[in-house]
Amino acid sequence: MQATPLAPSKRWFDLIVAGLGLLLLSPLLLLIAGAIKLTSRGPIFYNRPRVGLAGREFPFYKFRTMVVNAERQGLGIEIAHNDQRITRVGQWLRRWSFDELPQLLNVLRGEMSLIGPRPSLPEQVARYTPAQRQRLAVRPGITGWAQVNGRNDITWEARIELDCWYIAHWSWRLDLLILWRTIGAIVRPVGIYGRDGVAKDL
């Protein structure tokens, strides 16, 4: 997959915002890490490889919100709104999307951007059509166009179409719009678990 060069300043923006974010949010990150460790057995982070720019796999960081080996229990990689595998702290983290904050590290490492298509699992990428592989032409993001236009309320195919549209129409104005709408999506969360109450993203 040929990478699509976006404005070089986008990478500098990512580095500055991610660095400042980690610095300013460090007390909250430590508090969350402590809460996870004190209330649930297992590691602080959930780390399952995802596929990013040009089809390269990378370690994808999230705060752990479910019991250990959750994907081998219950619904597998699917998650329901009332899923018993979600921990007490995990419910709160998912409500405010705080489980995604460790991905600021992925941004600093150059594996992700603040804004872009959400990174997919390797098995999902294996089923991409040639057109859908356009999604791999840019760094994946913590938030993105599909995230603020329905998230899990829309089909997987629709999300990919929205992401490909974003890549073809990228601009700073569009990124700023996504950031603004992301704030609204956090304050009034929709689409976390999909219309039927089930999502396919651990």
N, C-alpha and C. Protein backbone atom coordinates (compact mmCIF):
# COMPACT_ATOMS: atom_id res chain seq x y z
N MET A 1 0.85 -1.20 0.00
CA MET A 1 0.00 0.00 0.00
C MET A 1 0.88 1.24 0.00
N GLN A 2 0.68 2.10 -0.98
CA GLN A 2 1.43 3.35 -1.09
C GLN A 2 0.89 4.36 -0.08
N ALA A 3 1.76 4.89 0.77
CA ALA A 3 1.32 5.87 1.75
C ALA A 3 0.93 7.17 1.07
N THR A 4 -0.08 7.82 1.61
CA THR A 4 -0.53 9.10 1.09
C THR A 4 0.08 10.23 1.93
N PRO A 5 0.91 11.09 1.36
CA PRO A 5 1.53 12.15 2.15
C PRO A 5 0.53 13.26 2.48
N LEU A 6 0.24 13.45 3.74
CA LEU A 6 -0.55 14.59 4.16
C LEU A 6 0.42 15.72 4.48
N ALA A 7 -0.09 16.86 4.88
CA ALA A 7 0.79 17.99 5.18
C ALA A 7 1.81 17.60 6.26
N PRO A 8 3.11 17.88 6.04
CA PRO A 8 4.12 17.56 7.06
C PRO A 8 3.79 18.18 8.41
N SER A 9 3.11 19.33 8.39
CA SER A 9 2.76 19.99 9.64
C SER A 9 1.78 19.17 10.48
N LYS A 10 1.07 18.25 9.84
CA LYS A 10 0.14 17.39 10.59
C LYS A 10 0.91 16.53 11.59
N ARG A 11 2.08 16.03 11.17
CA ARG A 11 2.90 15.22 12.08
C ARG A 11 3.44 16.06 13.23
N TRP A 12 3.85 17.29 12.94
CA TRP A 12 4.32 18.16 14.01
C TRP A 12 3.19 18.48 14.98
N PHE A 13 2.01 18.71 14.45
CA PHE A 13 0.84 18.96 15.29
C PHE A 13 0.58 17.77 16.21
N ASP A 14 0.66 16.57 15.64
CA ASP A 14 0.46 15.35 16.43
C ASP A 14 1.48 15.27 17.57
N LEU A 15 2.74 15.52 17.25
CA LEU A 15 3.80 15.42 18.26
C LEU A 15 3.60 16.42 19.39
N ILE A 16 3.28 17.65 19.03
CA ILE A 16 3.12 18.70 20.04
C ILE A 16 1.91 18.41 20.93
N VAL A 17 0.78 18.11 20.33
CA VAL A 17 -0.45 17.88 21.10
C VAL A 17 -0.33 16.61 21.94
N ALA A 18 0.21 15.53 21.37
CA ALA A 18 0.34 14.29 22.12
C ALA A 18 1.31 14.45 23.28
N GLY A 19 2.43 15.15 23.04
CA GLY A 19 3.40 15.38 24.11
C GLY A 19 2.82 16.21 25.24
N LEU A 20 2.15 17.31 24.89
CA LEU A 20 1.52 18.14 25.91
C LEU A 20 0.40 17.39 26.62
N GLY A 21 -0.35 16.60 25.84
CA GLY A 21 -1.45 15.83 26.42
C GLY A 21 -0.96 14.85 27.47
N LEU A 22 0.09 14.12 27.14
CA LEU A 22 0.64 13.16 28.11
C LEU A 22 1.17 13.86 29.35
N LEU A 23 1.79 15.02 29.16
CA LEU A 23 2.33 15.77 30.29
C LEU A 23 1.21 16.28 31.19
N LEU A 24 0.21 16.91 30.61
CA LEU A 24 -0.88 17.50 31.39
C LEU A 24 -1.80 16.44 32.00
N LEU A 25 -1.94 15.33 31.29
CA LEU A 25 -2.86 14.29 31.77
C LEU A 25 -2.17 13.23 32.63
N SER A 26 -0.89 13.39 32.87
CA SER A 26 -0.15 12.37 33.62
C SER A 26 -0.76 12.06 34.99
N PRO A 27 -1.26 13.06 35.76
CA PRO A 27 -1.91 12.69 37.03
C PRO A 27 -3.15 11.81 36.82
N LEU A 28 -3.96 12.13 35.80
CA LEU A 28 -5.14 11.32 35.51
C LEU A 28 -4.74 9.93 35.06
N LEU A 29 -3.72 9.83 34.22
CA LEU A 29 -3.26 8.53 33.74
C LEU A 29 -2.78 7.65 34.88
N LEU A 30 -2.06 8.25 35.81
CA LEU A 30 -1.59 7.49 36.98
C LEU A 30 -2.76 7.06 37.86
N LEU A 31 -3.75 7.93 38.00
CA LEU A 31 -4.94 7.60 38.80
C LEU A 31 -5.69 6.43 38.17
N ILE A 32 -5.86 6.48 36.86
CA ILE A 32 -6.56 5.40 36.16
C ILE A 32 -5.78 4.10 36.28
N ALA A 33 -4.47 4.16 36.10
CA ALA A 33 -3.65 2.96 36.20
C ALA A 33 -3.78 2.33 37.58
N GLY A 34 -3.75 3.18 38.62
CA GLY A 34 -3.90 2.68 39.98
C GLY A 34 -5.26 2.06 40.22
N ALA A 35 -6.31 2.69 39.70
CA ALA A 35 -7.67 2.17 39.88
C ALA A 35 -7.83 0.82 39.21
N ILE A 36 -7.26 0.67 38.01
CA ILE A 36 -7.35 -0.62 37.31
C ILE A 36 -6.64 -1.71 38.11
N LYS A 37 -5.45 -1.38 38.60
CA LYS A 37 -4.64 -2.37 39.31
C LYS A 37 -5.28 -2.77 40.63
N LEU A 38 -5.93 -1.82 41.31
CA LEU A 38 -6.51 -2.09 42.62
C LEU A 38 -7.85 -2.82 42.55
N THR A 39 -8.54 -2.71 41.43
CA THR A 39 -9.90 -3.26 41.37
C THR A 39 -10.04 -4.49 40.47
N SER A 40 -8.97 -4.84 39.75
CA SER A 40 -9.09 -5.97 38.82
C SER A 40 -7.74 -6.65 38.64
N ARG A 41 -7.74 -7.95 38.70
CA ARG A 41 -6.50 -8.69 38.50
C ARG A 41 -6.10 -8.65 37.03
N GLY A 42 -4.81 -8.45 36.80
CA GLY A 42 -4.32 -8.43 35.43
C GLY A 42 -3.53 -7.18 35.12
N PRO A 43 -3.07 -7.04 33.89
CA PRO A 43 -2.25 -5.89 33.49
C PRO A 43 -3.07 -4.61 33.40
N ILE A 44 -2.39 -3.50 33.43
CA ILE A 44 -3.04 -2.19 33.31
C ILE A 44 -3.49 -1.94 31.87
N PHE A 45 -2.66 -2.37 30.92
CA PHE A 45 -2.95 -2.10 29.52
C PHE A 45 -3.47 -3.34 28.80
N TYR A 46 -4.33 -3.08 27.83
CA TYR A 46 -4.74 -4.12 26.89
C TYR A 46 -3.98 -3.84 25.61
N ASN A 47 -3.24 -4.81 25.16
CA ASN A 47 -2.35 -4.60 24.01
C ASN A 47 -2.56 -5.71 23.00
N ARG A 48 -3.29 -5.40 21.94
CA ARG A 48 -3.47 -6.35 20.85
C ARG A 48 -3.05 -5.67 19.57
N PRO A 49 -2.19 -6.30 18.76
CA PRO A 49 -1.67 -5.63 17.55
C PRO A 49 -2.77 -5.15 16.62
N ARG A 50 -2.55 -3.98 16.02
CA ARG A 50 -3.43 -3.44 15.00
C ARG A 50 -2.60 -3.15 13.75
N VAL A 51 -3.28 -2.87 12.67
CA VAL A 51 -2.61 -2.59 11.41
C VAL A 51 -2.71 -1.10 11.11
N GLY A 52 -1.59 -0.52 10.75
CA GLY A 52 -1.55 0.92 10.51
C GLY A 52 -1.06 1.28 9.13
N LEU A 53 -0.30 2.34 9.06
CA LEU A 53 0.20 2.90 7.81
C LEU A 53 0.91 1.85 6.97
N ALA A 54 0.52 1.75 5.69
CA ALA A 54 1.13 0.84 4.73
C ALA A 54 1.01 -0.63 5.13
N GLY A 55 0.03 -0.95 5.98
CA GLY A 55 -0.22 -2.33 6.36
C GLY A 55 0.70 -2.87 7.43
N ARG A 56 1.44 -2.00 8.10
CA ARG A 56 2.37 -2.46 9.14
C ARG A 56 1.63 -2.64 10.47
N GLU A 57 1.90 -3.75 11.15
CA GLU A 57 1.32 -4.00 12.46
C GLU A 57 2.10 -3.25 13.54
N PHE A 58 1.39 -2.85 14.60
CA PHE A 58 2.04 -2.16 15.71
C PHE A 58 1.31 -2.49 17.00
N PRO A 59 1.98 -2.35 18.14
CA PRO A 59 1.32 -2.58 19.43
C PRO A 59 0.37 -1.43 19.74
N PHE A 60 -0.87 -1.75 19.97
CA PHE A 60 -1.93 -0.76 20.13
C PHE A 60 -2.31 -0.68 21.61
N TYR A 61 -2.12 0.48 22.22
CA TYR A 61 -2.29 0.62 23.66
C TYR A 61 -3.67 1.15 24.05
N LYS A 62 -4.28 0.46 24.99
CA LYS A 62 -5.52 0.93 25.61
C LYS A 62 -5.46 0.56 27.08
N PHE A 63 -6.14 1.32 27.92
CA PHE A 63 -6.31 0.87 29.29
C PHE A 63 -7.23 -0.34 29.27
N ARG A 64 -6.91 -1.34 30.05
CA ARG A 64 -7.73 -2.55 30.09
C ARG A 64 -9.06 -2.24 30.77
N THR A 65 -10.15 -2.56 30.09
CA THR A 65 -11.49 -2.31 30.63
C THR A 65 -12.26 -3.59 30.90
N MET A 66 -11.67 -4.73 30.55
CA MET A 66 -12.35 -6.00 30.71
C MET A 66 -11.47 -6.98 31.48
N VAL A 67 -12.05 -8.09 31.87
CA VAL A 67 -11.28 -9.11 32.58
C VAL A 67 -10.23 -9.69 31.65
N VAL A 68 -9.22 -10.30 32.22
CA VAL A 68 -8.14 -10.90 31.44
C VAL A 68 -8.70 -12.00 30.54
N ASN A 69 -8.19 -12.08 29.32
CA ASN A 69 -8.61 -13.09 28.34
C ASN A 69 -10.10 -12.99 28.00
N ALA A 70 -10.62 -11.78 28.00
CA ALA A 70 -12.04 -11.57 27.73
C ALA A 70 -12.44 -12.09 26.35
N GLU A 71 -11.52 -11.98 25.36
CA GLU A 71 -11.86 -12.42 24.01
C GLU A 71 -12.06 -13.92 23.91
N ARG A 72 -11.66 -14.66 24.95
CA ARG A 72 -11.87 -16.11 24.96
C ARG A 72 -13.12 -16.50 25.75
N GLN A 73 -13.85 -15.50 26.17
CA GLN A 73 -15.06 -15.75 26.97
C GLN A 73 -16.26 -15.07 26.32
N GLY A 74 -17.45 -15.47 26.74
CA GLY A 74 -18.67 -14.79 26.34
C GLY A 74 -18.79 -14.57 24.86
N LEU A 75 -18.90 -13.30 24.45
CA LEU A 75 -19.12 -12.94 23.05
C LEU A 75 -17.84 -12.87 22.22
N GLY A 76 -16.72 -13.25 22.81
CA GLY A 76 -15.46 -13.18 22.06
C GLY A 76 -15.01 -11.75 21.86
N ILE A 77 -14.76 -11.35 20.59
CA ILE A 77 -14.30 -9.98 20.33
C ILE A 77 -15.46 -9.00 20.30
N GLU A 78 -16.69 -9.49 20.37
CA GLU A 78 -17.84 -8.60 20.46
C GLU A 78 -18.06 -8.18 21.91
N ILE A 79 -18.59 -6.98 22.08
CA ILE A 79 -18.82 -6.45 23.42
C ILE A 79 -20.23 -5.89 23.49
N ALA A 80 -20.96 -6.29 24.51
CA ALA A 80 -22.32 -5.81 24.70
C ALA A 80 -22.33 -4.70 25.75
N HIS A 81 -23.37 -3.86 25.68
CA HIS A 81 -23.49 -2.74 26.61
C HIS A 81 -23.47 -3.21 28.06
N ASN A 82 -24.13 -4.32 28.33
CA ASN A 82 -24.21 -4.84 29.71
C ASN A 82 -23.28 -6.03 29.91
N ASP A 83 -22.19 -6.07 29.17
CA ASP A 83 -21.26 -7.20 29.18
C ASP A 83 -20.66 -7.40 30.57
N GLN A 84 -20.81 -8.61 31.10
CA GLN A 84 -20.31 -8.90 32.43
C GLN A 84 -18.79 -8.95 32.50
N ARG A 85 -18.14 -8.99 31.35
CA ARG A 85 -16.67 -9.02 31.35
C ARG A 85 -16.07 -7.64 31.57
N ILE A 86 -16.85 -6.59 31.41
CA ILE A 86 -16.36 -5.23 31.63
C ILE A 86 -16.24 -4.97 33.13
N THR A 87 -15.11 -4.47 33.55
CA THR A 87 -14.89 -4.19 34.97
C THR A 87 -15.62 -2.92 35.39
N ARG A 88 -15.70 -2.69 36.69
CA ARG A 88 -16.36 -1.48 37.19
C ARG A 88 -15.64 -0.22 36.70
N VAL A 89 -14.33 -0.23 36.82
CA VAL A 89 -13.55 0.90 36.32
C VAL A 89 -13.67 0.98 34.80
N GLY A 90 -13.72 -0.17 34.15
CA GLY A 90 -13.83 -0.21 32.70
C GLY A 90 -15.09 0.46 32.18
N GLN A 91 -16.20 0.30 32.89
CA GLN A 91 -17.44 0.96 32.48
C GLN A 91 -17.27 2.46 32.44
N TRP A 92 -16.63 2.99 33.46
CA TRP A 92 -16.39 4.44 33.53
C TRP A 92 -15.43 4.90 32.45
N LEU A 93 -14.38 4.13 32.23
CA LEU A 93 -13.40 4.49 31.20
C LEU A 93 -14.03 4.51 29.82
N ARG A 94 -14.87 3.54 29.54
CA ARG A 94 -15.52 3.48 28.23
C ARG A 94 -16.52 4.62 28.07
N ARG A 95 -17.22 4.97 29.13
CA ARG A 95 -18.20 6.04 29.06
C ARG A 95 -17.56 7.35 28.61
N TRP A 96 -16.38 7.63 29.08
CA TRP A 96 -15.70 8.89 28.76
C TRP A 96 -14.56 8.72 27.76
N SER A 97 -14.41 7.53 27.19
CA SER A 97 -13.36 7.22 26.22
C SER A 97 -11.96 7.39 26.79
N PHE A 98 -11.82 7.34 28.11
CA PHE A 98 -10.51 7.47 28.72
C PHE A 98 -9.63 6.25 28.46
N ASP A 99 -10.25 5.13 28.09
CA ASP A 99 -9.45 3.94 27.80
C ASP A 99 -8.55 4.15 26.58
N GLU A 100 -8.88 5.16 25.75
CA GLU A 100 -8.11 5.42 24.54
C GLU A 100 -6.89 6.31 24.78
N LEU A 101 -6.78 6.92 25.96
CA LEU A 101 -5.71 7.89 26.20
C LEU A 101 -4.29 7.34 26.00
N PRO A 102 -4.01 6.07 26.34
CA PRO A 102 -2.64 5.58 26.11
C PRO A 102 -2.21 5.61 24.65
N GLN A 103 -3.16 5.77 23.73
CA GLN A 103 -2.79 5.84 22.32
C GLN A 103 -2.02 7.12 21.99
N LEU A 104 -1.98 8.05 22.93
CA LEU A 104 -1.09 9.21 22.75
C LEU A 104 0.35 8.74 22.63
N LEU A 105 0.68 7.62 23.28
CA LEU A 105 2.02 7.04 23.12
C LEU A 105 2.22 6.54 21.70
N ASN A 106 1.19 5.92 21.14
CA ASN A 106 1.28 5.48 19.75
C ASN A 106 1.52 6.65 18.81
N VAL A 107 0.90 7.80 19.13
CA VAL A 107 1.09 8.99 18.32
C VAL A 107 2.54 9.46 18.39
N LEU A 108 3.09 9.52 19.60
CA LEU A 108 4.48 9.94 19.75
C LEU A 108 5.43 9.01 19.03
N ARG A 109 5.12 7.72 19.03
CA ARG A 109 5.98 6.72 18.38
C ARG A 109 5.85 6.74 16.86
N GLY A 110 4.91 7.50 16.35
CA GLY A 110 4.74 7.60 14.90
C GLY A 110 3.86 6.54 14.30
N GLU A 111 3.21 5.73 15.14
CA GLU A 111 2.35 4.66 14.65
C GLU A 111 0.93 5.13 14.38
N MET A 112 0.54 6.23 15.04
CA MET A 112 -0.81 6.74 14.90
C MET A 112 -0.76 8.26 14.77
N SER A 113 -1.90 8.82 14.41
CA SER A 113 -2.11 10.26 14.38
C SER A 113 -3.25 10.57 15.35
N LEU A 114 -3.41 11.83 15.67
CA LEU A 114 -4.56 12.20 16.49
C LEU A 114 -5.86 11.94 15.73
N ILE A 115 -5.83 12.19 14.42
CA ILE A 115 -7.03 12.08 13.60
C ILE A 115 -6.73 11.21 12.38
N GLY A 116 -7.60 10.25 12.14
CA GLY A 116 -7.44 9.36 11.00
C GLY A 116 -8.36 8.17 11.15
N PRO A 117 -8.33 7.23 10.24
CA PRO A 117 -9.15 6.02 10.37
C PRO A 117 -8.75 5.24 11.62
N ARG A 118 -9.71 4.67 12.30
CA ARG A 118 -9.38 3.85 13.45
C ARG A 118 -8.62 2.60 12.99
N PRO A 119 -7.57 2.20 13.72
CA PRO A 119 -6.77 1.04 13.28
C PRO A 119 -7.56 -0.26 13.37
N SER A 120 -7.37 -1.11 12.40
CA SER A 120 -8.11 -2.37 12.32
C SER A 120 -7.28 -3.54 12.85
N LEU A 121 -7.98 -4.61 13.19
CA LEU A 121 -7.32 -5.85 13.56
C LEU A 121 -6.78 -6.52 12.30
N PRO A 122 -5.70 -7.30 12.41
CA PRO A 122 -5.14 -7.97 11.22
C PRO A 122 -6.16 -8.81 10.47
N GLU A 123 -7.03 -9.51 11.19
CA GLU A 123 -8.01 -10.34 10.51
C GLU A 123 -9.05 -9.52 9.75
N GLN A 124 -9.29 -8.28 10.19
CA GLN A 124 -10.19 -7.40 9.46
C GLN A 124 -9.53 -6.92 8.17
N VAL A 125 -8.25 -6.54 8.27
CA VAL A 125 -7.51 -6.05 7.11
C VAL A 125 -7.39 -7.15 6.05
N ALA A 126 -7.29 -8.38 6.49
CA ALA A 126 -7.16 -9.50 5.55
C ALA A 126 -8.38 -9.61 4.64
N ARG A 127 -9.52 -9.05 5.08
CA ARG A 127 -10.75 -9.13 4.29
C ARG A 127 -11.02 -7.86 3.48
N TYR A 128 -10.11 -6.89 3.54
CA TYR A 128 -10.29 -5.65 2.79
C TYR A 128 -10.32 -5.92 1.29
N THR A 129 -11.16 -5.19 0.59
CA THR A 129 -11.11 -5.16 -0.87
C THR A 129 -9.98 -4.21 -1.27
N PRO A 130 -9.55 -4.25 -2.53
CA PRO A 130 -8.51 -3.31 -2.97
C PRO A 130 -8.89 -1.85 -2.68
N ALA A 131 -10.16 -1.49 -2.88
CA ALA A 131 -10.59 -0.12 -2.62
C ALA A 131 -10.51 0.21 -1.13
N GLN A 132 -10.87 -0.75 -0.29
CA GLN A 132 -10.85 -0.51 1.15
C GLN A 132 -9.44 -0.37 1.69
N ARG A 133 -8.46 -0.89 0.98
CA ARG A 133 -7.08 -0.80 1.44
C ARG A 133 -6.54 0.63 1.37
N GLN A 134 -7.31 1.53 0.77
CA GLN A 134 -6.95 2.95 0.83
C GLN A 134 -6.87 3.42 2.28
N ARG A 135 -7.59 2.76 3.13
CA ARG A 135 -7.61 3.11 4.55
C ARG A 135 -6.22 3.02 5.18
N LEU A 136 -5.35 2.24 4.57
CA LEU A 136 -4.00 2.04 5.10
C LEU A 136 -3.00 3.05 4.54
N ALA A 137 -3.49 4.03 3.79
CA ALA A 137 -2.60 5.00 3.14
C ALA A 137 -2.16 6.11 4.07
N VAL A 138 -2.76 6.21 5.26
CA VAL A 138 -2.38 7.23 6.24
C VAL A 138 -2.27 6.58 7.61
N ARG A 139 -1.67 7.30 8.54
CA ARG A 139 -1.61 6.79 9.91
C ARG A 139 -3.02 6.71 10.49
N PRO A 140 -3.34 5.63 11.20
CA PRO A 140 -4.65 5.56 11.86
C PRO A 140 -4.73 6.58 12.98
N GLY A 141 -5.96 6.90 13.40
CA GLY A 141 -6.14 7.96 14.38
C GLY A 141 -6.84 7.52 15.65
N ILE A 142 -6.69 8.36 16.68
CA ILE A 142 -7.43 8.15 17.92
C ILE A 142 -8.90 8.46 17.70
N THR A 143 -9.16 9.48 16.90
CA THR A 143 -10.52 9.79 16.48
C THR A 143 -10.50 10.00 14.97
N GLY A 144 -11.68 10.03 14.36
CA GLY A 144 -11.70 10.17 12.92
C GLY A 144 -13.09 10.51 12.40
N TRP A 145 -13.18 10.63 11.08
CA TRP A 145 -14.42 11.04 10.43
C TRP A 145 -15.54 10.02 10.69
N ALA A 146 -15.22 8.75 10.63
CA ALA A 146 -16.23 7.73 10.89
C ALA A 146 -16.65 7.75 12.36
N GLN A 147 -15.72 8.07 13.25
CA GLN A 147 -16.02 8.10 14.68
C GLN A 147 -17.04 9.17 15.02
N VAL A 148 -17.00 10.29 14.32
CA VAL A 148 -17.93 11.38 14.64
C VAL A 148 -19.15 11.38 13.72
N ASN A 149 -19.27 10.33 12.91
CA ASN A 149 -20.43 10.20 12.03
C ASN A 149 -21.15 8.87 12.23
N GLY A 150 -21.20 8.44 13.47
CA GLY A 150 -21.97 7.24 13.77
C GLY A 150 -21.25 6.18 14.55
N ARG A 151 -19.93 6.15 14.45
CA ARG A 151 -19.14 5.19 15.20
C ARG A 151 -19.67 3.77 14.97
N ASN A 152 -20.03 3.07 16.00
CA ASN A 152 -20.53 1.70 15.85
C ASN A 152 -22.00 1.63 15.49
N ASP A 153 -22.66 2.78 15.36
CA ASP A 153 -24.06 2.78 14.93
C ASP A 153 -24.20 2.52 13.43
N ILE A 154 -23.10 2.68 12.70
CA ILE A 154 -23.14 2.45 11.26
C ILE A 154 -22.37 1.17 10.93
N THR A 155 -22.60 0.64 9.75
CA THR A 155 -21.97 -0.62 9.38
C THR A 155 -20.47 -0.47 9.20
N TRP A 156 -19.78 -1.60 9.26
CA TRP A 156 -18.33 -1.61 9.07
C TRP A 156 -17.97 -1.06 7.69
N GLU A 157 -18.73 -1.46 6.67
CA GLU A 157 -18.48 -0.99 5.31
C GLU A 157 -18.66 0.52 5.21
N ALA A 158 -19.68 1.06 5.89
CA ALA A 158 -19.93 2.50 5.87
C ALA A 158 -18.80 3.26 6.54
N ARG A 159 -18.26 2.70 7.61
CA ARG A 159 -17.15 3.35 8.29
C ARG A 159 -15.92 3.42 7.38
N ILE A 160 -15.67 2.34 6.66
CA ILE A 160 -14.52 2.33 5.76
C ILE A 160 -14.72 3.37 4.65
N GLU A 161 -15.93 3.48 4.14
CA GLU A 161 -16.21 4.48 3.10
C GLU A 161 -15.98 5.89 3.62
N LEU A 162 -16.40 6.15 4.85
CA LEU A 162 -16.19 7.47 5.43
C LEU A 162 -14.70 7.75 5.62
N ASP A 163 -13.94 6.74 6.03
CA ASP A 163 -12.50 6.92 6.22
C ASP A 163 -11.80 7.19 4.89
N CYS A 164 -12.21 6.48 3.86
CA CYS A 164 -11.61 6.70 2.54
C CYS A 164 -11.96 8.10 2.03
N TRP A 165 -13.17 8.56 2.32
CA TRP A 165 -13.56 9.91 1.93
C TRP A 165 -12.68 10.93 2.66
N TYR A 166 -12.42 10.69 3.94
CA TYR A 166 -11.56 11.59 4.72
C TYR A 166 -10.17 11.69 4.09
N ILE A 167 -9.61 10.57 3.70
CA ILE A 167 -8.27 10.56 3.12
C ILE A 167 -8.24 11.36 1.82
N ALA A 168 -9.29 11.20 1.01
CA ALA A 168 -9.34 11.90 -0.27
C ALA A 168 -9.60 13.39 -0.13
N HIS A 169 -10.21 13.80 1.00
CA HIS A 169 -10.61 15.20 1.16
C HIS A 169 -9.93 15.87 2.35
N TRP A 170 -8.81 15.31 2.79
CA TRP A 170 -8.17 15.85 3.99
C TRP A 170 -7.86 17.34 3.87
N SER A 171 -8.07 18.05 4.98
CA SER A 171 -7.68 19.46 5.11
C SER A 171 -7.60 19.77 6.59
N TRP A 172 -6.92 20.86 6.92
CA TRP A 172 -6.88 21.27 8.32
C TRP A 172 -8.27 21.62 8.83
N ARG A 173 -9.07 22.21 7.98
CA ARG A 173 -10.44 22.56 8.37
C ARG A 173 -11.22 21.31 8.74
N LEU A 174 -11.05 20.24 7.98
CA LEU A 174 -11.74 18.99 8.28
C LEU A 174 -11.25 18.39 9.59
N ASP A 175 -9.94 18.43 9.82
CA ASP A 175 -9.40 17.90 11.08
C ASP A 175 -9.92 18.68 12.29
N LEU A 176 -9.98 20.00 12.17
CA LEU A 176 -10.49 20.81 13.27
C LEU A 176 -11.97 20.52 13.52
N LEU A 177 -12.71 20.28 12.45
CA LEU A 177 -14.12 19.92 12.60
C LEU A 177 -14.26 18.60 13.34
N ILE A 178 -13.41 17.63 13.00
CA ILE A 178 -13.45 16.33 13.66
C ILE A 178 -13.12 16.47 15.14
N LEU A 179 -12.11 17.28 15.46
CA LEU A 179 -11.75 17.49 16.87
C LEU A 179 -12.92 18.10 17.63
N TRP A 180 -13.57 19.09 17.05
CA TRP A 180 -14.71 19.74 17.69
C TRP A 180 -15.85 18.75 17.92
N ARG A 181 -16.15 17.96 16.91
CA ARG A 181 -17.24 17.01 17.03
C ARG A 181 -16.89 15.84 17.96
N THR A 182 -15.60 15.56 18.10
CA THR A 182 -15.16 14.52 19.03
C THR A 182 -15.49 14.92 20.47
N ILE A 183 -15.29 16.20 20.78
CA ILE A 183 -15.62 16.69 22.12
C ILE A 183 -17.10 16.47 22.40
N GLY A 184 -17.94 16.78 21.44
CA GLY A 184 -19.36 16.56 21.60
C GLY A 184 -19.71 15.10 21.75
N ALA A 185 -19.00 14.23 21.02
CA ALA A 185 -19.27 12.79 21.09
C ALA A 185 -18.88 12.23 22.45
N ILE A 186 -17.88 12.83 23.10
CA ILE A 186 -17.48 12.38 24.43
C ILE A 186 -18.48 12.84 25.48
N VAL A 187 -18.91 14.09 25.37
CA VAL A 187 -19.87 14.64 26.33
C VAL A 187 -21.21 13.94 26.22
N ARG A 188 -21.64 13.70 24.98
CA ARG A 188 -22.91 13.00 24.74
C ARG A 188 -22.63 11.77 23.89
N PRO A 189 -22.11 10.71 24.54
CA PRO A 189 -21.65 9.53 23.79
C PRO A 189 -22.77 8.80 23.07
N VAL A 190 -22.53 8.51 21.81
CA VAL A 190 -23.44 7.69 21.02
C VAL A 190 -22.60 6.70 20.22
N GLY A 191 -23.18 5.56 19.95
CA GLY A 191 -22.52 4.60 19.09
C GLY A 191 -21.40 3.80 19.74
N ILE A 192 -21.27 3.86 21.07
CA ILE A 192 -20.20 3.11 21.71
C ILE A 192 -20.38 1.62 21.48
N TYR A 193 -21.60 1.14 21.60
CA TYR A 193 -21.88 -0.28 21.46
C TYR A 193 -22.73 -0.61 20.24
N GLY A 194 -23.09 0.37 19.43
CA GLY A 194 -23.88 0.10 18.24
C GLY A 194 -25.37 0.11 18.53
N ARG A 195 -26.16 0.15 17.46
CA ARG A 195 -27.61 0.25 17.60
C ARG A 195 -28.22 -0.98 18.30
N ASP A 196 -27.60 -2.15 18.10
CA ASP A 196 -28.12 -3.35 18.72
C ASP A 196 -27.46 -3.65 20.06
N GLY A 197 -26.65 -2.71 20.54
CA GLY A 197 -26.02 -2.85 21.84
C GLY A 197 -24.80 -3.73 21.85
N VAL A 198 -24.24 -4.04 20.66
CA VAL A 198 -23.08 -4.90 20.57
C VAL A 198 -22.06 -4.28 19.62
N ALA A 199 -20.80 -4.23 20.05
CA ALA A 199 -19.71 -3.71 19.22
C ALA A 199 -18.67 -4.79 19.03
N LYS A 200 -17.80 -4.62 18.03
CA LYS A 200 -16.77 -5.61 17.75
C LYS A 200 -15.39 -4.98 17.89
N ASP A 201 -15.13 -4.37 19.05
CA ASP A 201 -13.85 -3.71 19.26
C ASP A 201 -13.49 -3.80 20.73
N LEU A 202 -12.54 -4.68 21.07
CA LEU A 202 -12.09 -4.78 22.46
C LEU A 202 -11.19 -3.60 22.82
